[in-house]
Amino acid sequence: MWEKILVVDDDIDARDRFYEILSRLSYNVSCVPTASEALARLLEERYNLIILDEKMPKADGYETAERIRQFDKETKIVILTEGELSSIDKESASSLGVNTVIKKDFSNHFMIKSILEALKSANPGNKIDSRGSLERVTIMVVDDNPDVRGVLETFLSKKGHRVVIASSGEDALMKVKVDKPDIVFLDLRMPGMDGLMVLKAIKQFDETIDVVMLTSSQDSFIMDEAKRLGACDYLIKPYDLEKLDTLITSLSVKG
């Protein structure tokens, strides 16, 4: 059975991001917008981890954690904060057995990694006010279209990633051995070697590299073949850049 996570946040965009990232990581995720709804859910079922936004209408994250602890001493709790913690906040979090308080920040992978560490930890209340810096992921973009390469390079660079550009399959295979990317975004339809040929060669070189296919086609045979050859996912053109960023986060924190 998948481990169960409850996300409690009045920001619908944040709930969307958490749901997509954590679901991709094979967790059973439920989302609610208020503390009262969370408490109603907890009367019906238990979760392995509860993520509480610090600022919510009527009851904030600390108040909600206190109410949860009145009847549930075991479920792990993470509180997300927008700003700096005061000494009073730290004492409150520790006394409530909150596993960790983390800065709410989707711009890097530290927040999600800290949440998953809290889920795996044995004892609550040990790690208050976690901080971290942007983790640099090396991403290769392989596409014969210079406009696509330019858009993805600009977006990914602004997110803090190291970006390697390749204009063909042959170019990609030369660079992958030197730059050793963590993730490759690979166009399916290119002159010379097609994307499936390049995918096969990349996986033969290093099977741990995550390869995401870029395609305007939804041909089921091609998608099945890409999966068989080791592609971890695919994106249909035109791309939703925020979904692409969510995919990178889920790939970067897996395992």
C-alpha atoms as a PDB file:
ATOM      1  CA  MET A   1       0.000   0.000   0.000  1.00  0.00           C
ATOM      2  CA  TRP A   2       1.228   3.499  -0.813  1.00  0.00           C
ATOM      3  CA  GLU A   3       2.140   5.729   2.114  1.00  0.00           C
ATOM      4  CA  LYS A   4      -0.575   8.304   2.681  1.00  0.00           C
ATOM      5  CA  ILE A   5       0.041  12.054   2.841  1.00  0.00           C
ATOM      6  CA  LEU A   6      -2.479  14.758   3.722  1.00  0.00           C
ATOM      7  CA  VAL A   7      -1.760  18.298   2.447  1.00  0.00           C
ATOM      8  CA  VAL A   8      -3.562  21.101   4.295  1.00  0.00           C
ATOM      9  CA  ASP A   9      -3.187  24.452   2.534  1.00  0.00           C
ATOM     10  CA  ASP A  10      -5.690  27.151   1.581  1.00  0.00           C
ATOM     11  CA  ASP A  11      -3.633  27.999  -1.546  1.00  0.00           C
ATOM     12  CA  ILE A  12      -5.069  25.909  -4.387  1.00  0.00           C
ATOM     13  CA  ASP A  13      -1.943  26.339  -6.533  1.00  0.00           C
ATOM     14  CA  ALA A  14       0.221  24.951  -3.728  1.00  0.00           C
ATOM     15  CA  ARG A  15      -2.130  21.997  -3.323  1.00  0.00           C
ATOM     16  CA  ASP A  16      -1.875  21.358  -7.063  1.00  0.00           C
ATOM     17  CA  ARG A  17       1.943  21.374  -6.940  1.00  0.00           C
ATOM     18  CA  PHE A  18       2.140  19.094  -3.915  1.00  0.00           C
ATOM     19  CA  TYR A  19      -0.395  16.687  -5.384  1.00  0.00           C
ATOM     20  CA  GLU A  20       1.419  16.401  -8.708  1.00  0.00           C
ATOM     21  CA  ILE A  21       4.923  16.072  -7.254  1.00  0.00           C
ATOM     22  CA  LEU A  22       4.078  13.602  -4.494  1.00  0.00           C
ATOM     23  CA  SER A  23       1.750  11.527  -6.697  1.00  0.00           C
ATOM     24  CA  ARG A  24       4.542  11.180  -9.243  1.00  0.00           C
ATOM     25  CA  LEU A  25       6.653   9.797  -6.406  1.00  0.00           C
ATOM     26  CA  SER A  26       3.971   7.127  -5.825  1.00  0.00           C
ATOM     27  CA  TYR A  27       2.513   8.507  -2.609  1.00  0.00           C
ATOM     28  CA  ASN A  28      -1.228   8.388  -1.945  1.00  0.00           C
ATOM     29  CA  VAL A  29      -1.973  12.119  -1.642  1.00  0.00           C
ATOM     30  CA  SER A  30      -5.100  13.856  -0.346  1.00  0.00           C
ATOM     31  CA  CYS A  31      -5.518  17.630  -0.250  1.00  0.00           C
ATOM     32  CA  VAL A  32      -7.817  19.871   1.791  1.00  0.00           C
ATOM     33  CA  PRO A  33      -8.069  23.683   2.032  1.00  0.00           C
ATOM     34  CA  THR A  34      -8.785  24.162   5.743  1.00  0.00           C
ATOM     35  CA  ALA A  35      -7.874  22.844   9.171  1.00  0.00           C
ATOM     36  CA  SER A  36     -11.488  21.904   9.907  1.00  0.00           C
ATOM     37  CA  GLU A  37     -11.639  19.761   6.786  1.00  0.00           C
ATOM     38  CA  ALA A  38      -8.349  18.112   7.765  1.00  0.00           C
ATOM     39  CA  LEU A  39      -9.677  17.246  11.217  1.00  0.00           C
ATOM     40  CA  ALA A  40     -12.843  15.803   9.676  1.00  0.00           C
ATOM     41  CA  ARG A  41     -10.703  13.589   7.428  1.00  0.00           C
ATOM     42  CA  LEU A  42      -8.660  12.429  10.409  1.00  0.00           C
ATOM     43  CA  LEU A  43     -11.788  11.149  12.111  1.00  0.00           C
ATOM     44  CA  GLU A  44     -12.214   8.739   9.206  1.00  0.00           C
ATOM     45  CA  GLU A  45      -8.674   7.671   8.327  1.00  0.00           C
ATOM     46  CA  ARG A  46      -5.036   7.952   9.316  1.00  0.00           C
ATOM     47  CA  TYR A  47      -2.096   9.282   7.324  1.00  0.00           C
ATOM     48  CA  ASN A  48       1.643   8.655   7.463  1.00  0.00           C
ATOM     49  CA  LEU A  49       2.376  12.371   7.113  1.00  0.00           C
ATOM     50  CA  ILE A  50       0.415  15.628   7.407  1.00  0.00           C
ATOM     51  CA  ILE A  51       1.715  18.805   5.726  1.00  0.00           C
ATOM     52  CA  LEU A  52       0.297  21.964   7.329  1.00  0.00           C
ATOM     53  CA  ASP A  53       0.627  25.463   5.946  1.00  0.00           C
ATOM     54  CA  GLU A  54       1.524  27.882   8.740  1.00  0.00           C
ATOM     55  CA  LYS A  55      -1.021  30.541   7.731  1.00  0.00           C
ATOM     56  CA  MET A  56      -4.589  29.376   7.128  1.00  0.00           C
ATOM     57  CA  PRO A  57      -8.017  30.895   7.816  1.00  0.00           C
ATOM     58  CA  LYS A  58      -9.469  30.361  11.319  1.00  0.00           C
ATOM     59  CA  ALA A  59      -6.760  27.940  12.543  1.00  0.00           C
ATOM     60  CA  ASP A  60      -3.061  28.200  11.678  1.00  0.00           C
ATOM     61  CA  GLY A  61      -0.623  25.316  11.310  1.00  0.00           C
ATOM     62  CA  TYR A  62       0.454  25.322  14.976  1.00  0.00           C
ATOM     63  CA  GLU A  63      -3.111  25.360  16.268  1.00  0.00           C
ATOM     64  CA  THR A  64      -4.019  22.554  13.903  1.00  0.00           C
ATOM     65  CA  ALA A  65      -1.000  20.501  14.960  1.00  0.00           C
ATOM     66  CA  GLU A  66      -1.999  20.940  18.593  1.00  0.00           C
ATOM     67  CA  ARG A  67      -5.529  19.681  17.892  1.00  0.00           C
ATOM     68  CA  ILE A  68      -4.176  16.712  15.924  1.00  0.00           C
ATOM     69  CA  ARG A  69      -1.831  15.773  18.767  1.00  0.00           C
ATOM     70  CA  GLN A  70      -4.771  15.601  21.191  1.00  0.00           C
ATOM     71  CA  PHE A  71      -5.846  12.341  19.573  1.00  0.00           C
ATOM     72  CA  ASP A  72      -2.924  11.314  17.352  1.00  0.00           C
ATOM     73  CA  LYS A  73       0.588  11.178  18.810  1.00  0.00           C
ATOM     74  CA  GLU A  74       2.188   9.145  16.023  1.00  0.00           C
ATOM     75  CA  THR A  75       1.444  10.715  12.629  1.00  0.00           C
ATOM     76  CA  LYS A  76       4.370  12.771  11.351  1.00  0.00           C
ATOM     77  CA  ILE A  77       3.674  16.489  10.922  1.00  0.00           C
ATOM     78  CA  VAL A  78       5.457  19.083   8.787  1.00  0.00           C
ATOM     79  CA  ILE A  79       4.673  22.804   9.042  1.00  0.00           C
ATOM     80  CA  LEU A  80       5.446  25.123   6.114  1.00  0.00           C
ATOM     81  CA  THR A  81       6.422  28.700   6.910  1.00  0.00           C
ATOM     82  CA  GLU A  82       6.772  31.776   4.697  1.00  0.00           C
ATOM     83  CA  GLY A  83       9.292  33.641   6.834  1.00  0.00           C
ATOM     84  CA  GLU A  84      11.768  33.348   9.669  1.00  0.00           C
ATOM     85  CA  LEU A  85      10.865  31.411  12.813  1.00  0.00           C
ATOM     86  CA  SER A  86      10.842  33.122  16.181  1.00  0.00           C
ATOM     87  CA  SER A  87      12.126  31.344  19.288  1.00  0.00           C
ATOM     88  CA  ILE A  88       8.502  31.029  20.438  1.00  0.00           C
ATOM     89  CA  ASP A  89       7.549  29.304  17.179  1.00  0.00           C
ATOM     90  CA  LYS A  90      10.459  26.880  17.541  1.00  0.00           C
ATOM     91  CA  GLU A  91       9.471  26.036  21.108  1.00  0.00           C
ATOM     92  CA  SER A  92       5.846  25.554  20.047  1.00  0.00           C
ATOM     93  CA  ALA A  93       6.783  23.266  17.179  1.00  0.00           C
ATOM     94  CA  SER A  94       9.093  21.195  19.365  1.00  0.00           C
ATOM     95  CA  SER A  95       6.556  20.855  22.174  1.00  0.00           C
ATOM     96  CA  LEU A  96       3.920  19.658  19.693  1.00  0.00           C
ATOM     97  CA  GLY A  97       6.176  16.933  18.328  1.00  0.00           C
ATOM     98  CA  VAL A  98       6.274  18.520  14.880  1.00  0.00           C
ATOM     99  CA  ASN A  99       8.855  16.668  12.806  1.00  0.00           C
ATOM    100  CA  THR A 100      10.150  19.683  10.935  1.00  0.00           C
ATOM    101  CA  VAL A 101       9.353  23.274  10.023  1.00  0.00           C
ATOM    102  CA  ILE A 102      10.381  24.088   6.462  1.00  0.00           C
ATOM    103  CA  LYS A 103      10.430  27.249   4.390  1.00  0.00           C
ATOM    104  CA  LYS A 104       7.676  27.011   1.795  1.00  0.00           C
ATOM    105  CA  ASP A 105       9.575  27.316  -1.467  1.00  0.00           C
ATOM    106  CA  PHE A 106       8.921  25.452  -4.718  1.00  0.00           C
ATOM    107  CA  SER A 107      11.883  27.095  -6.491  1.00  0.00           C
ATOM    108  CA  ASN A 108      14.272  24.329  -5.469  1.00  0.00           C
ATOM    109  CA  HIS A 109      14.120  20.719  -4.317  1.00  0.00           C
ATOM    110  CA  PHE A 110      15.090  21.219  -0.675  1.00  0.00           C
ATOM    111  CA  MET A 111      11.519  21.560   0.596  1.00  0.00           C
ATOM    112  CA  ILE A 112      10.321  18.303  -0.982  1.00  0.00           C
ATOM    113  CA  LYS A 113      13.450  16.430   0.115  1.00  0.00           C
ATOM    114  CA  SER A 114      12.973  17.648   3.686  1.00  0.00           C
ATOM    115  CA  ILE A 115       9.345  16.540   3.634  1.00  0.00           C
ATOM    116  CA  LEU A 116      10.336  13.069   2.460  1.00  0.00           C
ATOM    117  CA  GLU A 117      13.070  12.901   5.114  1.00  0.00           C
ATOM    118  CA  ALA A 118      10.442  13.698   7.746  1.00  0.00           C
ATOM    119  CA  LEU A 119       8.238  10.930   6.374  1.00  0.00           C
ATOM    120  CA  LYS A 120      11.080   8.418   6.690  1.00  0.00           C
ATOM    121  CA  SER A 121      12.327   9.620  10.087  1.00  0.00           C
ATOM    122  CA  ALA A 122      11.812   7.457  13.160  1.00  0.00           C
ATOM    123  CA  ASN A 123      11.143  10.133  15.776  1.00  0.00           C
ATOM    124  CA  PRO A 124       9.153  13.398  15.606  1.00  0.00           C
ATOM    125  CA  GLY A 125      10.208  16.775  16.877  1.00  0.00           C
ATOM    126  CA  ASN A 126      13.904  16.639  16.066  1.00  0.00           C
ATOM    127  CA  LYS A 127      14.478  19.064  13.224  1.00  0.00           C
ATOM    128  CA  ILE A 128      13.093  22.569  13.528  1.00  0.00           C
ATOM    129  CA  ASP A 129      13.610  25.364  10.981  1.00  0.00           C
ATOM    130  CA  SER A 130      15.327  23.406   8.215  1.00  0.00           C
ATOM    131  CA  ARG A 131      17.165  25.472   5.634  1.00  0.00           C
ATOM    132  CA  GLY A 132      18.892  24.663   2.389  1.00  0.00           C
ATOM    133  CA  SER A 133      20.231  26.085  -0.831  1.00  0.00           C
ATOM    134  CA  LEU A 134      19.318  25.409  -4.430  1.00  0.00           C
ATOM    135  CA  GLU A 135      20.553  22.037  -5.563  1.00  0.00           C
ATOM    136  CA  ARG A 136      22.151  22.251  -8.976  1.00  0.00           C
ATOM    137  CA  VAL A 137      20.796  19.662 -11.381  1.00  0.00           C
ATOM    138  CA  THR A 138      22.433  19.184 -14.779  1.00  0.00           C
ATOM    139  CA  ILE A 139      19.811  19.030 -17.521  1.00  0.00           C
ATOM    140  CA  MET A 140      20.432  18.359 -21.208  1.00  0.00           C
ATOM    141  CA  VAL A 141      17.971  19.656 -23.809  1.00  0.00           C
ATOM    142  CA  VAL A 142      18.138  17.847 -27.150  1.00  0.00           C
ATOM    143  CA  ASP A 143      16.064  19.443 -29.920  1.00  0.00           C
ATOM    144  CA  ASP A 144      16.801  20.501 -33.510  1.00  0.00           C
ATOM    145  CA  ASN A 145      14.482  23.525 -33.124  1.00  0.00           C
ATOM    146  CA  PRO A 146      16.531  26.519 -31.878  1.00  0.00           C
ATOM    147  CA  ASP A 147      13.417  28.270 -30.536  1.00  0.00           C
ATOM    148  CA  VAL A 148      12.563  25.293 -28.328  1.00  0.00           C
ATOM    149  CA  ARG A 149      16.154  25.048 -27.126  1.00  0.00           C
ATOM    150  CA  GLY A 150      16.220  28.759 -26.333  1.00  0.00           C
ATOM    151  CA  VAL A 151      12.974  28.755 -24.340  1.00  0.00           C
ATOM    152  CA  LEU A 152      13.926  25.701 -22.290  1.00  0.00           C
ATOM    153  CA  GLU A 153      17.487  26.889 -21.687  1.00  0.00           C
ATOM    154  CA  THR A 154      16.276  30.281 -20.422  1.00  0.00           C
ATOM    155  CA  PHE A 155      13.591  28.782 -18.183  1.00  0.00           C
ATOM    156  CA  LEU A 156      15.796  26.076 -16.697  1.00  0.00           C
ATOM    157  CA  SER A 157      18.741  28.411 -16.151  1.00  0.00           C
ATOM    158  CA  LYS A 158      16.515  30.852 -14.243  1.00  0.00           C
ATOM    159  CA  LYS A 159      15.497  27.935 -12.017  1.00  0.00           C
ATOM    160  CA  GLY A 160      19.167  27.492 -11.127  1.00  0.00           C
ATOM    161  CA  HIS A 161      19.931  24.361 -13.134  1.00  0.00           C
ATOM    162  CA  ARG A 162      23.038  23.768 -15.183  1.00  0.00           C
ATOM    163  CA  VAL A 163      21.815  23.420 -18.782  1.00  0.00           C
ATOM    164  CA  VAL A 164      23.539  21.623 -21.651  1.00  0.00           C
ATOM    165  CA  ILE A 165      22.187  22.144 -25.177  1.00  0.00           C
ATOM    166  CA  ALA A 166      22.385  19.673 -28.073  1.00  0.00           C
ATOM    167  CA  SER A 167      20.951  20.285 -31.551  1.00  0.00           C
ATOM    168  CA  SER A 168      20.945  16.658 -32.730  1.00  0.00           C
ATOM    169  CA  GLY A 169      21.104  13.097 -31.477  1.00  0.00           C
ATOM    170  CA  GLU A 170      24.704  12.777 -32.543  1.00  0.00           C
ATOM    171  CA  ASP A 171      25.610  15.980 -30.705  1.00  0.00           C
ATOM    172  CA  ALA A 172      23.795  14.748 -27.604  1.00  0.00           C
ATOM    173  CA  LEU A 173      25.662  11.446 -27.479  1.00  0.00           C
ATOM    174  CA  MET A 174      29.005  13.231 -27.581  1.00  0.00           C
ATOM    175  CA  LYS A 175      28.027  15.671 -24.839  1.00  0.00           C
ATOM    176  CA  VAL A 176      26.314  13.167 -22.535  1.00  0.00           C
ATOM    177  CA  LYS A 177      29.635  11.396 -21.930  1.00  0.00           C
ATOM    178  CA  VAL A 178      31.349  14.651 -20.971  1.00  0.00           C
ATOM    179  CA  ASP A 179      28.617  16.521 -19.105  1.00  0.00           C
ATOM    180  CA  LYS A 180      26.928  13.508 -17.464  1.00  0.00           C
ATOM    181  CA  PRO A 181      23.438  15.067 -17.134  1.00  0.00           C
ATOM    182  CA  ASP A 182      20.992  14.019 -14.439  1.00  0.00           C
ATOM    183  CA  ILE A 183      17.990  14.558 -16.724  1.00  0.00           C
ATOM    184  CA  VAL A 184      17.694  14.661 -20.517  1.00  0.00           C
ATOM    185  CA  PHE A 185      14.776  16.265 -22.363  1.00  0.00           C
ATOM    186  CA  LEU A 186      14.908  14.549 -25.733  1.00  0.00           C
ATOM    187  CA  ASP A 187      12.983  15.482 -28.879  1.00  0.00           C
ATOM    188  CA  LEU A 188      11.466  12.470 -30.595  1.00  0.00           C
ATOM    189  CA  ARG A 189      11.532  13.739 -34.196  1.00  0.00           C
ATOM    190  CA  MET A 190      14.937  14.986 -35.392  1.00  0.00           C
ATOM    191  CA  PRO A 191      17.055  14.737 -38.559  1.00  0.00           C
ATOM    192  CA  GLY A 192      19.605  11.934 -38.450  1.00  0.00           C
ATOM    193  CA  MET A 193      19.183   9.790 -35.344  1.00  0.00           C
ATOM    194  CA  ASP A 194      15.601   9.875 -34.075  1.00  0.00           C
ATOM    195  CA  GLY A 195      14.797  10.252 -30.395  1.00  0.00           C
ATOM    196  CA  LEU A 196      14.269   6.545 -29.767  1.00  0.00           C
ATOM    197  CA  MET A 197      17.721   5.725 -31.147  1.00  0.00           C
ATOM    198  CA  VAL A 198      19.281   8.384 -28.940  1.00  0.00           C
ATOM    199  CA  LEU A 199      17.301   7.176 -25.912  1.00  0.00           C
ATOM    200  CA  LYS A 200      18.594   3.630 -26.408  1.00  0.00           C
ATOM    201  CA  ALA A 201      22.192   4.836 -26.689  1.00  0.00           C
ATOM    202  CA  ILE A 202      21.936   7.066 -23.596  1.00  0.00           C
ATOM    203  CA  LYS A 203      20.546   4.210 -21.514  1.00  0.00           C
ATOM    204  CA  GLN A 204      23.302   1.902 -22.729  1.00  0.00           C
ATOM    205  CA  PHE A 205      25.862   4.508 -21.619  1.00  0.00           C
ATOM    206  CA  ASP A 206      24.237   5.201 -18.228  1.00  0.00           C
ATOM    207  CA  GLU A 207      20.901   3.684 -17.271  1.00  0.00           C
ATOM    208  CA  THR A 208      20.549   6.016 -14.259  1.00  0.00           C
ATOM    209  CA  ILE A 209      20.042   9.107 -16.457  1.00  0.00           C
ATOM    210  CA  ASP A 210      16.374  10.123 -16.502  1.00  0.00           C
ATOM    211  CA  VAL A 211      15.173  10.698 -20.068  1.00  0.00           C
ATOM    212  CA  VAL A 212      11.956  12.581 -20.806  1.00  0.00           C
ATOM    213  CA  MET A 213      10.720  12.468 -24.401  1.00  0.00           C
ATOM    214  CA  LEU A 214       9.528  15.665 -26.093  1.00  0.00           C
ATOM    215  CA  THR A 215       6.945  15.054 -28.788  1.00  0.00           C
ATOM    216  CA  SER A 216       4.017  16.504 -30.706  1.00  0.00           C
ATOM    217  CA  SER A 217       2.800  12.961 -31.425  1.00  0.00           C
ATOM    218  CA  GLN A 218       0.649  10.845 -29.162  1.00  0.00           C
ATOM    219  CA  ASP A 219       1.236   7.623 -31.109  1.00  0.00           C
ATOM    220  CA  SER A 220       0.707   4.827 -28.573  1.00  0.00           C
ATOM    221  CA  PHE A 221       3.213   2.508 -30.291  1.00  0.00           C
ATOM    222  CA  ILE A 222       5.967   5.132 -30.102  1.00  0.00           C
ATOM    223  CA  MET A 223       5.173   5.961 -26.478  1.00  0.00           C
ATOM    224  CA  ASP A 224       5.186   2.262 -25.545  1.00  0.00           C
ATOM    225  CA  GLU A 225       8.501   1.805 -27.330  1.00  0.00           C
ATOM    226  CA  ALA A 226       9.997   4.793 -25.506  1.00  0.00           C
ATOM    227  CA  LYS A 227       8.868   3.337 -22.175  1.00  0.00           C
ATOM    228  CA  ARG A 228      10.337  -0.055 -23.081  1.00  0.00           C
ATOM    229  CA  LEU A 229      13.665   1.590 -23.884  1.00  0.00           C
ATOM    230  CA  GLY A 230      13.739   3.320 -20.509  1.00  0.00           C
ATOM    231  CA  ALA A 231      12.106   6.755 -20.893  1.00  0.00           C
ATOM    232  CA  CYS A 232      10.673   7.850 -17.543  1.00  0.00           C
ATOM    233  CA  ASP A 233       8.042  10.197 -18.973  1.00  0.00           C
ATOM    234  CA  TYR A 234       7.077  12.312 -21.961  1.00  0.00           C
ATOM    235  CA  LEU A 235       5.833  15.855 -22.577  1.00  0.00           C
ATOM    236  CA  ILE A 236       3.490  16.858 -25.382  1.00  0.00           C
ATOM    237  CA  LYS A 237       4.297  20.067 -27.277  1.00  0.00           C
ATOM    238  CA  PRO A 238       3.586  22.903 -26.577  1.00  0.00           C
ATOM    239  CA  TYR A 239       4.924  22.492 -23.055  1.00  0.00           C
ATOM    240  CA  ASP A 240       3.502  23.801 -19.808  1.00  0.00           C
ATOM    241  CA  LEU A 241       6.711  25.074 -18.218  1.00  0.00           C
ATOM    242  CA  GLU A 242       5.395  24.850 -14.660  1.00  0.00           C
ATOM    243  CA  LYS A 243       4.459  21.197 -15.194  1.00  0.00           C
ATOM    244  CA  LEU A 244       7.935  20.662 -16.626  1.00  0.00           C
ATOM    245  CA  ASP A 245       9.402  22.182 -13.458  1.00  0.00           C
ATOM    246  CA  THR A 246       7.202  19.930 -11.319  1.00  0.00           C
ATOM    247  CA  LEU A 247       8.450  16.916 -13.267  1.00  0.00           C
ATOM    248  CA  ILE A 248      12.075  17.950 -12.661  1.00  0.00           C
ATOM    249  CA  THR A 249      11.402  18.255  -8.926  1.00  0.00           C
ATOM    250  CA  SER A 250       9.824  14.792  -8.734  1.00  0.00           C
ATOM    251  CA  LEU A 251      12.731  13.242 -10.657  1.00  0.00           C
ATOM    252  CA  SER A 252      15.330  15.067  -8.563  1.00  0.00           C
ATOM    253  CA  VAL A 253      14.025  13.886  -5.183  1.00  0.00           C
ATOM    254  CA  LYS A 254      13.081  10.310  -6.048  1.00  0.00           C
ATOM    255  CA  GLY A 255      14.726   7.535  -4.095  1.00  0.00           C
END
